[in-house]
Amino acid sequence: ILIDDVIYTGRTLRASIEAVMHSGRPKLISLLCLVDRGHRELPISPKFIGKNIPTNESDYVSVFLEEIDNIDKIEVT
């Protein structure tokens, strides 16, 4: 399972998939994203999405987690 906080263009997940493939041939790669903001440049679709938040391309999405930031929150600015 590859996990990303925010999926946008799909380029980060593509690079992650390529890194996994470089180290071996997994039987299955599942993708999980906390936030899907749209605007994909590549045909990558996570199997698991925490929240779908349509955004403008100029928006910036920040994810805060209780374990790290002492708050669970998504900010779009």
PDB file of N, CA and C in Angstrom:
ATOM      1  N   ILE A   1       0.858  -1.182   0.000  1.00  0.00           N
ATOM      2  CA  ILE A   1       0.000   0.000   0.000  1.00  0.00           C
ATOM      3  C   ILE A   1       0.894   1.231   0.000  1.00  0.00           C
ATOM      4  N   LEU A   2       0.674   2.113  -0.971  1.00  0.00           N
ATOM      5  CA  LEU A   2       1.347   3.409  -0.999  1.00  0.00           C
ATOM      6  C   LEU A   2       0.364   4.452  -0.492  1.00  0.00           C
ATOM      7  N   ILE A   3       0.834   5.296   0.408  1.00  0.00           N
ATOM      8  CA  ILE A   3      -0.022   6.308   1.030  1.00  0.00           C
ATOM      9  C   ILE A   3       0.525   7.685   0.719  1.00  0.00           C
ATOM     10  N   ASP A   4      -0.375   8.594   0.310  1.00  0.00           N
ATOM     11  CA  ASP A   4      -0.018   9.983   0.044  1.00  0.00           C
ATOM     12  C   ASP A   4      -1.021  10.864   0.774  1.00  0.00           C
ATOM     13  N   ASP A   5      -0.563  12.007   1.254  1.00  0.00           N
ATOM     14  CA  ASP A   5      -1.498  12.890   1.946  1.00  0.00           C
ATOM     15  C   ASP A   5      -2.467  13.542   0.966  1.00  0.00           C
ATOM     16  N   VAL A   6      -1.952  14.154  -0.103  1.00  0.00           N
ATOM     17  CA  VAL A   6      -2.798  14.838  -1.084  1.00  0.00           C
ATOM     18  C   VAL A   6      -2.391  14.385  -2.477  1.00  0.00           C
ATOM     19  N   ILE A   7      -3.356  13.897  -3.255  1.00  0.00           N
ATOM     20  CA  ILE A   7      -3.058  13.588  -4.652  1.00  0.00           C
ATOM     21  C   ILE A   7      -3.535  14.752  -5.502  1.00  0.00           C
ATOM     22  N   TYR A   8      -2.658  15.186  -6.397  1.00  0.00           N
ATOM     23  CA  TYR A   8      -2.939  16.338  -7.249  1.00  0.00           C
ATOM     24  C   TYR A   8      -2.727  15.910  -8.704  1.00  0.00           C
ATOM     25  N   THR A   9      -1.538  16.040  -9.227  1.00  0.00           N
ATOM     26  CA  THR A   9      -1.275  15.677 -10.622  1.00  0.00           C
ATOM     27  C   THR A   9      -1.076  14.180 -10.814  1.00  0.00           C
ATOM     28  N   GLY A  10      -0.664  13.492  -9.755  1.00  0.00           N
ATOM     29  CA  GLY A  10      -0.368  12.067  -9.833  1.00  0.00           C
ATOM     30  C   GLY A  10       1.109  11.771 -10.034  1.00  0.00           C
ATOM     31  N   ARG A  11       1.913  12.825 -10.223  1.00  0.00           N
ATOM     32  CA  ARG A  11       3.342  12.608 -10.488  1.00  0.00           C
ATOM     33  C   ARG A  11       4.084  12.015  -9.293  1.00  0.00           C
ATOM     34  N   THR A  12       3.739  12.420  -8.082  1.00  0.00           N
ATOM     35  CA  THR A  12       4.408  11.873  -6.894  1.00  0.00           C
ATOM     36  C   THR A  12       4.115  10.383  -6.750  1.00  0.00           C
ATOM     37  N   LEU A  13       2.853  10.005  -6.929  1.00  0.00           N
ATOM     38  CA  LEU A  13       2.516   8.581  -6.833  1.00  0.00           C
ATOM     39  C   LEU A  13       3.148   7.783  -7.963  1.00  0.00           C
ATOM     40  N   ARG A  14       3.243   8.354  -9.158  1.00  0.00           N
ATOM     41  CA  ARG A  14       3.921   7.658 -10.253  1.00  0.00           C
ATOM     42  C   ARG A  14       5.381   7.385  -9.883  1.00  0.00           C
ATOM     43  N   ALA A  15       6.056   8.387  -9.320  1.00  0.00           N
ATOM     44  CA  ALA A  15       7.452   8.201  -8.907  1.00  0.00           C
ATOM     45  C   ALA A  15       7.557   7.129  -7.825  1.00  0.00           C
ATOM     46  N   SER A  16       6.599   7.099  -6.915  1.00  0.00           N
ATOM     47  CA  SER A  16       6.593   6.076  -5.861  1.00  0.00           C
ATOM     48  C   SER A  16       6.397   4.686  -6.449  1.00  0.00           C
ATOM     49  N   ILE A  17       5.492   4.568  -7.398  1.00  0.00           N
ATOM     50  CA  ILE A  17       5.248   3.277  -8.051  1.00  0.00           C
ATOM     51  C   ILE A  17       6.507   2.824  -8.787  1.00  0.00           C
ATOM     52  N   GLU A  18       7.156   3.755  -9.485  1.00  0.00           N
ATOM     53  CA  GLU A  18       8.394   3.409 -10.194  1.00  0.00           C
ATOM     54  C   GLU A  18       9.480   2.938  -9.224  1.00  0.00           C
ATOM     55  N   ALA A  19       9.584   3.568  -8.055  1.00  0.00           N
ATOM     56  CA  ALA A  19      10.578   3.156  -7.057  1.00  0.00           C
ATOM     57  C   ALA A  19      10.285   1.749  -6.547  1.00  0.00           C
ATOM     58  N   VAL A  20       9.021   1.457  -6.303  1.00  0.00           N
ATOM     59  CA  VAL A  20       8.640   0.113  -5.851  1.00  0.00           C
ATOM     60  C   VAL A  20       8.955  -0.912  -6.939  1.00  0.00           C
ATOM     61  N   MET A  21       8.630  -0.587  -8.185  1.00  0.00           N
ATOM     62  CA  MET A  21       8.879  -1.511  -9.295  1.00  0.00           C
ATOM     63  C   MET A  21      10.379  -1.726  -9.519  1.00  0.00           C
ATOM     64  N   HIS A  22      11.167  -0.718  -9.227  1.00  0.00           N
ATOM     65  CA  HIS A  22      12.617  -0.831  -9.384  1.00  0.00           C
ATOM     66  C   HIS A  22      13.217  -1.838  -8.390  1.00  0.00           C
ATOM     67  N   SER A  23      12.583  -1.960  -7.230  1.00  0.00           N
ATOM     68  CA  SER A  23      13.122  -2.857  -6.206  1.00  0.00           C
ATOM     69  C   SER A  23      12.529  -4.264  -6.271  1.00  0.00           C
ATOM     70  N   GLY A  24      11.586  -4.495  -7.162  1.00  0.00           N
ATOM     71  CA  GLY A  24      10.990  -5.818  -7.287  1.00  0.00           C
ATOM     72  C   GLY A  24       9.710  -5.758  -8.089  1.00  0.00           C
ATOM     73  N   ARG A  25       9.023  -6.864  -8.156  1.00  0.00           N
ATOM     74  CA  ARG A  25       7.766  -6.952  -8.896  1.00  0.00           C
ATOM     75  C   ARG A  25       6.645  -7.351  -7.932  1.00  0.00           C
ATOM     76  N   PRO A  26       6.000  -6.373  -7.328  1.00  0.00           N
ATOM     77  CA  PRO A  26       4.924  -6.711  -6.394  1.00  0.00           C
ATOM     78  C   PRO A  26       3.727  -7.308  -7.136  1.00  0.00           C
ATOM     79  N   LYS A  27       3.009  -8.151  -6.439  1.00  0.00           N
ATOM     80  CA  LYS A  27       1.806  -8.743  -7.012  1.00  0.00           C
ATOM     81  C   LYS A  27       0.701  -7.694  -7.145  1.00  0.00           C
ATOM     82  N   LEU A  28       0.685  -6.738  -6.215  1.00  0.00           N
ATOM     83  CA  LEU A  28      -0.364  -5.719  -6.203  1.00  0.00           C
ATOM     84  C   LEU A  28       0.166  -4.455  -5.542  1.00  0.00           C
ATOM     85  N   ILE A  29      -0.187  -3.308  -6.096  1.00  0.00           N
ATOM     86  CA  ILE A  29       0.090  -2.022  -5.455  1.00  0.00           C
ATOM     87  C   ILE A  29      -1.249  -1.327  -5.283  1.00  0.00           C
ATOM     88  N   SER A  30      -1.622  -1.041  -4.047  1.00  0.00           N
ATOM     89  CA  SER A  30      -2.844  -0.293  -3.759  1.00  0.00           C
ATOM     90  C   SER A  30      -2.457   1.118  -3.345  1.00  0.00           C
ATOM     91  N   LEU A  31      -3.252   2.083  -3.783  1.00  0.00           N
ATOM     92  CA  LEU A  31      -2.981   3.487  -3.475  1.00  0.00           C
ATOM     93  C   LEU A  31      -4.026   4.029  -2.515  1.00  0.00           C
ATOM     94  N   LEU A  32      -3.562   4.757  -1.505  1.00  0.00           N
ATOM     95  CA  LEU A  32      -4.425   5.400  -0.528  1.00  0.00           C
ATOM     96  C   LEU A  32      -4.023   6.861  -0.442  1.00  0.00           C
ATOM     97  N   CYS A  33      -5.007   7.751  -0.534  1.00  0.00           N
ATOM     98  CA  CYS A  33      -4.755   9.186  -0.394  1.00  0.00           C
ATOM     99  C   CYS A  33      -5.728   9.755   0.619  1.00  0.00           C
ATOM    100  N   LEU A  34      -5.218  10.597   1.494  1.00  0.00           N
ATOM    101  CA  LEU A  34      -6.099  11.240   2.459  1.00  0.00           C
ATOM    102  C   LEU A  34      -7.012  12.240   1.769  1.00  0.00           C
ATOM    103  N   VAL A  35      -6.473  13.005   0.798  1.00  0.00           N
ATOM    104  CA  VAL A  35      -7.253  14.023   0.091  1.00  0.00           C
ATOM    105  C   VAL A  35      -7.012  13.904  -1.412  1.00  0.00           C
ATOM    106  N   ASP A  36      -8.102  13.855  -2.176  1.00  0.00           N
ATOM    107  CA  ASP A  36      -8.027  13.914  -3.639  1.00  0.00           C
ATOM    108  C   ASP A  36      -8.546  15.280  -4.052  1.00  0.00           C
ATOM    109  N   ARG A  37      -7.669  16.102  -4.612  1.00  0.00           N
ATOM    110  CA  ARG A  37      -8.058  17.464  -4.985  1.00  0.00           C
ATOM    111  C   ARG A  37      -8.326  17.627  -6.471  1.00  0.00           C
ATOM    112  N   GLY A  38      -8.213  16.527  -7.237  1.00  0.00           N
ATOM    113  CA  GLY A  38      -8.482  16.599  -8.672  1.00  0.00           C
ATOM    114  C   GLY A  38      -7.285  17.109  -9.458  1.00  0.00           C
ATOM    115  N   HIS A  39      -7.523  17.510 -10.709  1.00  0.00           N
ATOM    116  CA  HIS A  39      -6.513  18.086 -11.612  1.00  0.00           C
ATOM    117  C   HIS A  39      -5.428  17.085 -11.995  1.00  0.00           C
ATOM    118  N   ARG A  40      -5.802  15.832 -12.174  1.00  0.00           N
ATOM    119  CA  ARG A  40      -4.832  14.790 -12.487  1.00  0.00           C
ATOM    120  C   ARG A  40      -4.226  15.000 -13.871  1.00  0.00           C
ATOM    121  N   GLU A  41      -2.922  14.839 -13.990  1.00  0.00           N
ATOM    122  CA  GLU A  41      -2.202  14.852 -15.265  1.00  0.00           C
ATOM    123  C   GLU A  41      -1.935  13.435 -15.754  1.00  0.00           C
ATOM    124  N   LEU A  42      -1.982  12.479 -14.850  1.00  0.00           N
ATOM    125  CA  LEU A  42      -1.701  11.080 -15.170  1.00  0.00           C
ATOM    126  C   LEU A  42      -2.902  10.217 -14.792  1.00  0.00           C
ATOM    127  N   PRO A  43      -3.103   9.097 -15.485  1.00  0.00           N
ATOM    128  CA  PRO A  43      -4.253   8.231 -15.188  1.00  0.00           C
ATOM    129  C   PRO A  43      -4.017   7.362 -13.952  1.00  0.00           C
ATOM    130  N   ILE A  44      -3.928   8.009 -12.814  1.00  0.00           N
ATOM    131  CA  ILE A  44      -3.706   7.313 -11.544  1.00  0.00           C
ATOM    132  C   ILE A  44      -4.932   7.542 -10.668  1.00  0.00           C
ATOM    133  N   SER A  45      -5.528   6.445 -10.200  1.00  0.00           N
ATOM    134  CA  SER A  45      -6.727   6.531  -9.365  1.00  0.00           C
ATOM    135  C   SER A  45      -6.515   5.731  -8.088  1.00  0.00           C
ATOM    136  N   PRO A  46      -6.426   6.412  -6.948  1.00  0.00           N
ATOM    137  CA  PRO A  46      -6.291   5.683  -5.686  1.00  0.00           C
ATOM    138  C   PRO A  46      -7.517   4.805  -5.417  1.00  0.00           C
ATOM    139  N   LYS A  47      -7.282   3.649  -4.851  1.00  0.00           N
ATOM    140  CA  LYS A  47      -8.385   2.754  -4.485  1.00  0.00           C
ATOM    141  C   LYS A  47      -9.104   3.281  -3.245  1.00  0.00           C
ATOM    142  N   PHE A  48      -8.359   3.927  -2.365  1.00  0.00           N
ATOM    143  CA  PHE A  48      -8.917   4.441  -1.117  1.00  0.00           C
ATOM    144  C   PHE A  48      -8.675   5.943  -1.042  1.00  0.00           C
ATOM    145  N   ILE A  49      -9.744   6.708  -0.817  1.00  0.00           N
ATOM    146  CA  ILE A  49      -9.655   8.167  -0.707  1.00  0.00           C
ATOM    147  C   ILE A  49     -10.394   8.587   0.560  1.00  0.00           C
ATOM    148  N   GLY A  50      -9.697   9.342   1.419  1.00  0.00           N
ATOM    149  CA  GLY A  50     -10.321   9.811   2.646  1.00  0.00           C
ATOM    150  C   GLY A  50     -11.358  10.887   2.395  1.00  0.00           C
ATOM    151  N   LYS A  51     -11.005  11.871   1.565  1.00  0.00           N
ATOM    152  CA  LYS A  51     -11.904  12.989   1.300  1.00  0.00           C
ATOM    153  C   LYS A  51     -11.625  13.522  -0.098  1.00  0.00           C
ATOM    154  N   ASN A  52     -12.686  13.749  -0.867  1.00  0.00           N
ATOM    155  CA  ASN A  52     -12.573  14.338  -2.189  1.00  0.00           C
ATOM    156  C   ASN A  52     -12.906  15.822  -2.055  1.00  0.00           C
ATOM    157  N   ILE A  53     -11.918  16.686  -2.308  1.00  0.00           N
ATOM    158  CA  ILE A  53     -12.109  18.129  -2.160  1.00  0.00           C
ATOM    159  C   ILE A  53     -11.758  18.803  -3.482  1.00  0.00           C
ATOM    160  N   PRO A  54     -12.767  19.159  -4.290  1.00  0.00           N
ATOM    161  CA  PRO A  54     -12.474  19.875  -5.532  1.00  0.00           C
ATOM    162  C   PRO A  54     -11.810  21.217  -5.218  1.00  0.00           C
ATOM    163  N   THR A  55     -10.749  21.532  -5.949  1.00  0.00           N
ATOM    164  CA  THR A  55     -10.004  22.767  -5.713  1.00  0.00           C
ATOM    165  C   THR A  55      -9.719  23.457  -7.034  1.00  0.00           C
ATOM    166  N   ASN A  56      -9.285  24.694  -6.941  1.00  0.00           N
ATOM    167  CA  ASN A  56      -8.720  25.389  -8.091  1.00  0.00           C
ATOM    168  C   ASN A  56      -7.263  24.973  -8.193  1.00  0.00           C
ATOM    169  N   GLU A  57      -6.697  25.086  -9.387  1.00  0.00           N
ATOM    170  CA  GLU A  57      -5.296  24.701  -9.546  1.00  0.00           C
ATOM    171  C   GLU A  57      -4.366  25.585  -8.727  1.00  0.00           C
ATOM    172  N   SER A  58      -4.781  26.808  -8.442  1.00  0.00           N
ATOM    173  CA  SER A  58      -3.934  27.732  -7.678  1.00  0.00           C
ATOM    174  C   SER A  58      -4.041  27.527  -6.166  1.00  0.00           C
ATOM    175  N   ASP A  59      -4.983  26.691  -5.721  1.00  0.00           N
ATOM    176  CA  ASP A  59      -5.155  26.442  -4.288  1.00  0.00           C
ATOM    177  C   ASP A  59      -4.008  25.600  -3.740  1.00  0.00           C
ATOM    178  N   TYR A  60      -3.772  25.744  -2.446  1.00  0.00           N
ATOM    179  CA  TYR A  60      -2.782  24.940  -1.730  1.00  0.00           C
ATOM    180  C   TYR A  60      -3.526  24.163  -0.652  1.00  0.00           C
ATOM    181  N   VAL A  61      -3.309  22.865  -0.589  1.00  0.00           N
ATOM    182  CA  VAL A  61      -3.995  22.014   0.384  1.00  0.00           C
ATOM    183  C   VAL A  61      -2.993  21.550   1.433  1.00  0.00           C
ATOM    184  N   SER A  62      -3.331  21.778   2.708  1.00  0.00           N
ATOM    185  CA  SER A  62      -2.495  21.338   3.831  1.00  0.00           C
ATOM    186  C   SER A  62      -3.280  20.336   4.666  1.00  0.00           C
ATOM    187  N   VAL A  63      -2.615  19.260   5.056  1.00  0.00           N
ATOM    188  CA  VAL A  63      -3.232  18.239   5.901  1.00  0.00           C
ATOM    189  C   VAL A  63      -2.504  18.231   7.235  1.00  0.00           C
ATOM    190  N   PHE A  64      -3.260  18.331   8.317  1.00  0.00           N
ATOM    191  CA  PHE A  64      -2.717  18.299   9.674  1.00  0.00           C
ATOM    192  C   PHE A  64      -3.251  17.045  10.362  1.00  0.00           C
ATOM    193  N   LEU A  65      -2.379  16.342  11.063  1.00  0.00           N
ATOM    194  CA  LEU A  65      -2.755  15.103  11.739  1.00  0.00           C
ATOM    195  C   LEU A  65      -2.554  15.225  13.246  1.00  0.00           C
ATOM    196  N   GLU A  66      -3.483  14.684  13.980  1.00  0.00           N
ATOM    197  CA  GLU A  66      -3.467  14.742  15.448  1.00  0.00           C
ATOM    198  C   GLU A  66      -2.128  14.277  16.017  1.00  0.00           C
ATOM    199  N   GLU A  67      -1.606  13.164  15.504  1.00  0.00           N
ATOM    200  CA  GLU A  67      -0.381  12.579  16.047  1.00  0.00           C
ATOM    201  C   GLU A  67       0.845  13.475  15.861  1.00  0.00           C
ATOM    202  N   ILE A  68       0.814  14.320  14.862  1.00  0.00           N
ATOM    203  CA  ILE A  68       1.956  15.185  14.563  1.00  0.00           C
ATOM    204  C   ILE A  68       1.683  16.638  14.928  1.00  0.00           C
ATOM    205  N   ASP A  69       0.484  17.120  14.570  1.00  0.00           N
ATOM    206  CA  ASP A  69       0.145  18.542  14.684  1.00  0.00           C
ATOM    207  C   ASP A  69      -0.818  18.862  15.824  1.00  0.00           C
ATOM    208  N   ASN A  70      -1.225  17.844  16.570  1.00  0.00           N
ATOM    209  CA  ASN A  70      -2.188  17.998  17.668  1.00  0.00           C
ATOM    210  C   ASN A  70      -3.560  18.464  17.200  1.00  0.00           C
ATOM    211  N   ILE A  71      -3.858  18.256  15.909  1.00  0.00           N
ATOM    212  CA  ILE A  71      -5.177  18.586  15.373  1.00  0.00           C
ATOM    213  C   ILE A  71      -5.368  17.826  14.063  1.00  0.00           C
ATOM    214  N   ASP A  72      -6.587  17.348  13.823  1.00  0.00           N
ATOM    215  CA  ASP A  72      -6.939  16.756  12.536  1.00  0.00           C
ATOM    216  C   ASP A  72      -7.667  17.827  11.739  1.00  0.00           C
ATOM    217  N   LYS A  73      -7.050  18.260  10.628  1.00  0.00           N
ATOM    218  CA  LYS A  73      -7.643  19.364   9.877  1.00  0.00           C
ATOM    219  C   LYS A  73      -7.092  19.367   8.456  1.00  0.00           C
ATOM    220  N   ILE A  74      -7.943  19.800   7.521  1.00  0.00           N
ATOM    221  CA  ILE A  74      -7.532  20.034   6.138  1.00  0.00           C
ATOM    222  C   ILE A  74      -7.795  21.499   5.844  1.00  0.00           C
ATOM    223  N   GLU A  75      -6.778  22.185   5.336  1.00  0.00           N
ATOM    224  CA  GLU A  75      -6.912  23.600   4.980  1.00  0.00           C
ATOM    225  C   GLU A  75      -6.704  23.765   3.489  1.00  0.00           C
ATOM    226  N   VAL A  76      -7.581  24.542   2.859  1.00  0.00           N
ATOM    227  CA  VAL A  76      -7.411  24.918   1.457  1.00  0.00           C
ATOM    228  C   VAL A  76      -7.231  26.425   1.428  1.00  0.00           C
ATOM    229  N   THR A  77      -6.079  26.866   0.918  1.00  0.00           N
ATOM    230  CA  THR A  77      -5.807  28.312   0.860  1.00  0.00           C
ATOM    231  C   THR A  77      -5.430  28.720  -0.545  1.00  0.00           C
TER     232      THR A  77
END
